[in-house]
Amino acid sequence: MSDKTLNQFRNLLRFSAVFNIVSAFLLIIPVVYENYLLFFNDINSALGLGGQPVSIPTNPLNALLINTAGIDLVLIGAIILVVSKNPLKNRTIILMNGVGRLLFALIIAYYVFAADLIRIIVAFGIIDVTISIGFLYYLKKTKTLEE
C-alpha cells in the first residue's frame, strides 16, 4: 500500500467533512434555514423531479430540531476533518460515519417512497452512499497498515 492510497483516503475524508459542513451550515441559523429548504423546493421544481415540497415548520420545536440537526451535521463534518489527519488510528470513527451515512440514505429512501418527499433529496443519499462505499474500500485497502 502506498502513500498515494493513504492520501486518496485522506482526500475522501476531507471531501466528506466539507460536504457535511457546507450542506448543513445554513440549517443552523434560525430563519435562514427556511430559505435554504425552500431553495431545494425551487431546484426540485425546476428539474421537474416531483414529490411533495418541503414545508416550513410552524411549531418552534420542529424548527429547533432542524437547527440542532444542522449543528450535529456540521460537528460530524468537523470530527471527520480532524480524523482525516490520521485515518489509520481512527478507523472505528470512519466506519461508524460510513454506517451512519448508509442509514441516512435508507431513511431518505423511506421518506421519498413512503411520504413522497421531493426527489432532489435523493442526491444527498447518493452522495452519502458513494462516500460510504469509498470509506469501506479504503478501510479494507489500508487494513494491513493498521497500527
Protein backbone atom coordinates (compact mmCIF):
# COMPACT_ATOMS: atom_id res chain seq x y z
CA MET A 1 0.00 0.00 0.00
CA SER A 2 1.38 3.35 -0.97
CA ASP A 3 1.35 6.87 0.36
CA LYS A 4 -0.79 7.67 -2.69
CA THR A 5 -3.57 5.40 -1.39
CA LEU A 6 -3.39 6.93 2.08
CA ASN A 7 -3.54 10.43 0.58
CA GLN A 8 -6.57 9.43 -1.50
CA PHE A 9 -8.24 8.17 1.67
CA ARG A 10 -7.47 11.45 3.44
CA ASN A 11 -8.86 13.41 0.49
CA LEU A 12 -12.10 11.41 0.54
CA LEU A 13 -12.41 12.06 4.27
CA ARG A 14 -11.81 15.78 3.73
CA PHE A 15 -14.38 15.89 0.92
CA SER A 16 -16.86 14.10 3.18
CA ALA A 17 -16.21 16.55 6.01
CA VAL A 18 -16.52 19.64 3.83
CA PHE A 19 -19.68 18.24 2.22
CA ASN A 20 -21.26 17.88 5.68
CA ILE A 21 -20.19 21.32 6.82
CA VAL A 22 -21.22 23.16 3.67
CA SER A 23 -24.51 21.34 3.12
CA ALA A 24 -25.66 21.64 6.75
CA PHE A 25 -24.33 25.01 7.91
CA LEU A 26 -27.38 27.03 6.82
CA LEU A 27 -29.68 24.66 8.74
CA ILE A 28 -28.17 26.03 11.96
CA ILE A 29 -29.38 29.60 11.54
CA PRO A 30 -32.98 30.35 12.54
CA VAL A 31 -35.00 31.90 9.69
CA VAL A 32 -32.12 31.39 7.20
CA TYR A 33 -32.75 27.64 7.18
CA GLU A 34 -36.26 28.36 5.86
CA ASN A 35 -34.90 29.93 2.68
CA TYR A 36 -32.40 27.08 2.37
CA LEU A 37 -35.17 24.47 2.48
CA LEU A 38 -37.32 26.46 0.04
CA PHE A 39 -34.31 26.57 -2.28
CA PHE A 40 -34.49 22.76 -2.52
CA ASN A 41 -38.15 23.09 -3.48
CA ASP A 42 -37.14 25.51 -6.25
CA ILE A 43 -34.42 23.20 -7.61
CA ASN A 44 -36.73 20.18 -7.42
CA SER A 45 -39.47 22.05 -9.26
CA ALA A 46 -37.10 23.44 -11.91
CA LEU A 47 -35.85 19.92 -12.62
CA GLY A 48 -39.39 18.51 -12.62
CA LEU A 49 -38.46 15.80 -10.14
CA GLY A 50 -41.81 15.60 -8.35
CA GLY A 51 -42.68 14.81 -4.78
CA GLN A 52 -44.26 16.85 -2.04
CA PRO A 53 -42.44 20.12 -1.45
CA VAL A 54 -40.79 20.78 1.88
CA SER A 55 -42.89 22.98 4.14
CA ILE A 56 -41.50 25.28 6.79
CA PRO A 57 -42.44 24.14 10.28
CA THR A 58 -44.76 26.38 12.24
CA ASN A 59 -44.02 24.66 15.53
CA PRO A 60 -40.91 26.15 17.18
CA LEU A 61 -39.81 22.72 18.45
CA ASN A 62 -39.67 21.38 14.88
CA ALA A 63 -37.64 24.42 13.84
CA LEU A 64 -35.31 23.87 16.79
CA LEU A 65 -34.81 20.23 15.77
CA ILE A 66 -33.83 21.34 12.26
CA ASN A 67 -31.32 23.82 13.70
CA THR A 68 -29.99 21.11 16.02
CA ALA A 69 -29.63 18.65 13.13
CA GLY A 70 -27.60 21.30 11.31
CA ILE A 71 -25.33 21.72 14.31
CA ASP A 72 -24.88 17.95 14.59
CA LEU A 73 -24.06 17.54 10.90
CA VAL A 74 -21.53 20.36 11.00
CA LEU A 75 -19.93 18.84 14.12
CA ILE A 76 -19.76 15.43 12.44
CA GLY A 77 -18.04 17.13 9.49
CA ALA A 78 -15.57 18.77 11.86
CA ILE A 79 -14.85 15.42 13.55
CA ILE A 80 -14.20 13.75 10.19
CA LEU A 81 -11.94 16.64 9.22
CA VAL A 82 -9.85 16.00 12.35
CA VAL A 83 -9.93 12.22 11.73
CA SER A 84 -8.65 12.78 8.18
CA LYS A 85 -5.24 13.71 9.59
CA ASN A 86 -4.69 10.15 10.76
CA PRO A 87 -7.28 7.76 9.32
CA LEU A 88 -5.33 4.66 10.35
CA LYS A 89 -5.77 5.46 14.04
CA ASN A 90 -9.43 6.45 13.62
CA ARG A 91 -10.81 3.51 11.68
CA THR A 92 -13.75 2.93 14.03
CA ILE A 93 -14.93 6.53 13.75
CA ILE A 94 -14.70 6.32 9.95
CA LEU A 95 -16.61 3.04 9.91
CA MET A 96 -19.34 4.46 12.17
CA ASN A 97 -19.62 7.54 9.96
CA GLY A 98 -19.93 5.34 6.88
CA VAL A 99 -22.65 3.23 8.50
CA GLY A 100 -24.45 6.40 9.59
CA ARG A 101 -24.34 7.72 6.04
CA LEU A 102 -25.81 4.47 4.73
CA LEU A 103 -28.57 4.67 7.34
CA PHE A 104 -29.26 8.26 6.29
CA ALA A 105 -29.61 7.13 2.67
CA LEU A 106 -32.09 4.44 3.74
CA ILE A 107 -34.12 6.97 5.67
CA ILE A 108 -34.14 9.27 2.65
CA ALA A 109 -35.42 6.37 0.52
CA TYR A 110 -38.16 5.73 3.07
CA TYR A 111 -39.36 9.33 3.02
CA VAL A 112 -39.16 9.57 -0.77
CA PHE A 113 -41.20 6.40 -1.29
CA ALA A 114 -43.49 6.38 1.77
CA ALA A 115 -44.11 10.12 2.15
CA ASP A 116 -43.47 11.34 -1.42
CA LEU A 117 -40.69 13.73 -0.33
CA ILE A 118 -39.17 15.93 -3.04
CA ARG A 119 -36.80 13.88 -5.14
CA ILE A 120 -33.86 16.30 -5.09
CA ILE A 121 -33.12 14.90 -1.63
CA VAL A 122 -32.13 11.60 -3.28
CA ALA A 123 -28.95 13.38 -4.44
CA PHE A 124 -27.83 13.62 -0.79
CA GLY A 125 -28.47 9.91 -0.34
CA ILE A 126 -26.50 9.04 -3.46
CA ILE A 127 -23.57 11.19 -2.33
CA ASP A 128 -23.62 9.59 1.13
CA VAL A 129 -23.77 6.04 -0.29
CA THR A 130 -20.86 6.87 -2.59
CA ILE A 131 -18.84 8.27 0.31
CA SER A 132 -19.64 5.20 2.42
CA ILE A 133 -18.52 2.84 -0.34
CA GLY A 134 -15.30 4.84 -0.57
CA PHE A 135 -14.79 4.62 3.19
CA LEU A 136 -15.28 0.85 3.13
CA TYR A 137 -12.94 0.49 0.16
CA TYR A 138 -10.13 2.46 1.83
CA LEU A 139 -10.71 0.86 5.23
CA LYS A 140 -10.23 -2.54 3.59
CA LYS A 141 -7.30 -1.39 1.47
CA THR A 142 -5.48 0.11 4.48
CA LYS A 143 -6.27 -2.74 6.89
CA THR A 144 -2.72 -4.07 6.65
CA LEU A 145 -1.33 -0.69 7.76
CA GLU A 146 -3.36 -0.58 10.95
CA GLU A 147 -1.10 0.23 13.86
